[in-house]
Amino acid sequence: MLAGKKILVVGGAGYVGGYIAKFLSQRNADVYVMNRKGLSQNSELNKCVKSIVGDSMNPQQHSHLINSMDVIIHSVGTLVDTSITKFSKPG
């Protein structure tokens, strides 16, 4: 069912996204991983996915890529809620 599908995992180099990307690639999907820095040279994901450097907060930058995918999975980690930290001191 996933074989041959083009799947983009945004934030796919992270902990959760990495597992998702690896799982999908083992099912013969054509997996692309997007994150800000790309995959490290020694990342095990380099063997089974295609790395794309991109900013998930700027979708216009890669709209052509998004339109060519069959499935997009968003796995970017959550940010700290600033309503909790706005009155705390740094560090």
C-alpha atoms as a PDB file:
ATOM      1  CA  MET A   1       0.000   0.000   0.000  1.00  0.00           C
ATOM      2  CA  LEU A   2       2.873   2.419   0.705  1.00  0.00           C
ATOM      3  CA  ALA A   3       5.189   1.106  -2.012  1.00  0.00           C
ATOM      4  CA  GLY A   4       6.020   3.811  -4.505  1.00  0.00           C
ATOM      5  CA  LYS A   5       4.228   6.579  -2.597  1.00  0.00           C
ATOM      6  CA  LYS A   6       6.164   9.841  -2.289  1.00  0.00           C
ATOM      7  CA  ILE A   7       6.078  10.784   1.391  1.00  0.00           C
ATOM      8  CA  LEU A   8       7.529  13.911   2.963  1.00  0.00           C
ATOM      9  CA  VAL A   9       8.312  13.781   6.685  1.00  0.00           C
ATOM     10  CA  VAL A  10       8.767  17.361   7.898  1.00  0.00           C
ATOM     11  CA  GLY A  11      11.036  17.273  10.929  1.00  0.00           C
ATOM     12  CA  GLY A  12      12.009  13.738  10.006  1.00  0.00           C
ATOM     13  CA  ALA A  13      15.518  13.953  11.429  1.00  0.00           C
ATOM     14  CA  GLY A  14      14.182  14.232  14.970  1.00  0.00           C
ATOM     15  CA  TYR A  15      13.419  11.439  17.406  1.00  0.00           C
ATOM     16  CA  VAL A  16       9.819  10.725  16.395  1.00  0.00           C
ATOM     17  CA  GLY A  17      10.162  11.792  12.774  1.00  0.00           C
ATOM     18  CA  GLY A  18      13.230   9.596  12.320  1.00  0.00           C
ATOM     19  CA  TYR A  19      11.300   6.520  13.418  1.00  0.00           C
ATOM     20  CA  ILE A  20       8.421   7.425  11.115  1.00  0.00           C
ATOM     21  CA  ALA A  21      10.772   7.898   8.146  1.00  0.00           C
ATOM     22  CA  LYS A  22      12.574   4.620   8.813  1.00  0.00           C
ATOM     23  CA  PHE A  23       9.279   2.723   9.185  1.00  0.00           C
ATOM     24  CA  LEU A  24       7.962   4.110   5.896  1.00  0.00           C
ATOM     25  CA  SER A  25      11.168   3.379   4.007  1.00  0.00           C
ATOM     26  CA  GLN A  26      11.029  -0.243   5.179  1.00  0.00           C
ATOM     27  CA  ARG A  27       7.656  -0.459   3.426  1.00  0.00           C
ATOM     28  CA  ASN A  28       9.207   0.663   0.125  1.00  0.00           C
ATOM     29  CA  ALA A  29       7.830   4.193   0.198  1.00  0.00           C
ATOM     30  CA  ASP A  30       9.861   6.932  -1.480  1.00  0.00           C
ATOM     31  CA  VAL A  31      10.641   8.918   1.690  1.00  0.00           C
ATOM     32  CA  TYR A  32      11.904  12.490   1.842  1.00  0.00           C
ATOM     33  CA  VAL A  33      12.993  14.040   5.144  1.00  0.00           C
ATOM     34  CA  MET A  34      12.970  17.813   5.561  1.00  0.00           C
ATOM     35  CA  ASN A  35      14.633  19.683   8.368  1.00  0.00           C
ATOM     36  CA  ARG A  36      16.627  22.868   8.803  1.00  0.00           C
ATOM     37  CA  LYS A  37      20.104  21.339   8.840  1.00  0.00           C
ATOM     38  CA  GLY A  38      19.766  18.224   6.702  1.00  0.00           C
ATOM     39  CA  LEU A  39      20.864  14.803   7.880  1.00  0.00           C
ATOM     40  CA  SER A  40      24.249  14.320   9.504  1.00  0.00           C
ATOM     41  CA  GLN A  41      26.822  12.309   7.547  1.00  0.00           C
ATOM     42  CA  ASN A  42      26.613   9.349   9.924  1.00  0.00           C
ATOM     43  CA  SER A  43      22.821   9.296  10.188  1.00  0.00           C
ATOM     44  CA  GLU A  44      21.401   5.841   9.615  1.00  0.00           C
ATOM     45  CA  LEU A  45      18.548   7.528   7.718  1.00  0.00           C
ATOM     46  CA  ASN A  46      20.955   8.486   4.904  1.00  0.00           C
ATOM     47  CA  LYS A  47      20.719   4.902   3.659  1.00  0.00           C
ATOM     48  CA  CYS A  48      16.958   4.867   3.183  1.00  0.00           C
ATOM     49  CA  VAL A  49      15.627   8.413   2.682  1.00  0.00           C
ATOM     50  CA  LYS A  50      16.338  11.556   0.683  1.00  0.00           C
ATOM     51  CA  SER A  51      17.333  14.595   2.706  1.00  0.00           C
ATOM     52  CA  ILE A  52      15.945  18.061   1.991  1.00  0.00           C
ATOM     53  CA  VAL A  53      17.108  21.190   3.776  1.00  0.00           C
ATOM     54  CA  GLY A  54      14.145  23.456   4.428  1.00  0.00           C
ATOM     55  CA  ASP A  55      12.305  25.526   6.990  1.00  0.00           C
ATOM     56  CA  SER A  56       8.878  24.190   7.957  1.00  0.00           C
ATOM     57  CA  MET A  57       7.846  27.689   9.017  1.00  0.00           C
ATOM     58  CA  ASN A  58       8.322  28.959   5.448  1.00  0.00           C
ATOM     59  CA  PRO A  59       6.134  26.727   3.236  1.00  0.00           C
ATOM     60  CA  GLN A  60       6.402  29.093   0.242  1.00  0.00           C
ATOM     61  CA  GLN A  61      10.087  28.150   0.068  1.00  0.00           C
ATOM     62  CA  HIS A  62       9.219  24.562  -0.856  1.00  0.00           C
ATOM     63  CA  SER A  63       5.659  24.683  -2.207  1.00  0.00           C
ATOM     64  CA  HIS A  64       6.741  22.959  -5.431  1.00  0.00           C
ATOM     65  CA  LEU A  65       7.968  20.006  -3.365  1.00  0.00           C
ATOM     66  CA  ILE A  66       4.826  19.847  -1.245  1.00  0.00           C
ATOM     67  CA  ASN A  67       2.620  19.744  -4.326  1.00  0.00           C
ATOM     68  CA  SER A  68       4.521  16.746  -5.700  1.00  0.00           C
ATOM     69  CA  MET A  69       4.033  14.535  -2.611  1.00  0.00           C
ATOM     70  CA  ASP A  70       1.346  11.900  -2.081  1.00  0.00           C
ATOM     71  CA  VAL A  71       1.527  12.203   1.723  1.00  0.00           C
ATOM     72  CA  ILE A  72       2.984  14.810   4.101  1.00  0.00           C
ATOM     73  CA  ILE A  73       3.651  14.020   7.750  1.00  0.00           C
ATOM     74  CA  HIS A  74       4.429  16.883  10.132  1.00  0.00           C
ATOM     75  CA  SER A  75       6.630  15.766  13.007  1.00  0.00           C
ATOM     76  CA  VAL A  76       8.273  19.009  14.063  1.00  0.00           C
ATOM     77  CA  GLY A  77       8.655  19.150  17.837  1.00  0.00           C
ATOM     78  CA  THR A  78       6.556  21.516  19.870  1.00  0.00           C
ATOM     79  CA  LEU A  79       7.976  24.731  21.176  1.00  0.00           C
ATOM     80  CA  VAL A  80       7.774  25.842  24.781  1.00  0.00           C
ATOM     81  CA  ASP A  81       4.596  27.759  25.513  1.00  0.00           C
ATOM     82  CA  THR A  82       5.855  31.310  26.142  1.00  0.00           C
ATOM     83  CA  SER A  83       2.882  32.100  28.378  1.00  0.00           C
ATOM     84  CA  ILE A  84       4.584  29.858  30.939  1.00  0.00           C
ATOM     85  CA  THR A  85       8.125  31.192  30.518  1.00  0.00           C
ATOM     86  CA  LYS A  86       7.688  34.865  29.659  1.00  0.00           C
ATOM     87  CA  PHE A  87       8.229  35.980  33.262  1.00  0.00           C
ATOM     88  CA  SER A  88      11.128  33.660  34.038  1.00  0.00           C
ATOM     89  CA  LYS A  89      14.766  34.688  33.851  1.00  0.00           C
ATOM     90  CA  PRO A  90      16.977  33.129  31.149  1.00  0.00           C
ATOM     91  CA  GLY A  91      18.923  30.033  32.200  1.00  0.00           C
END
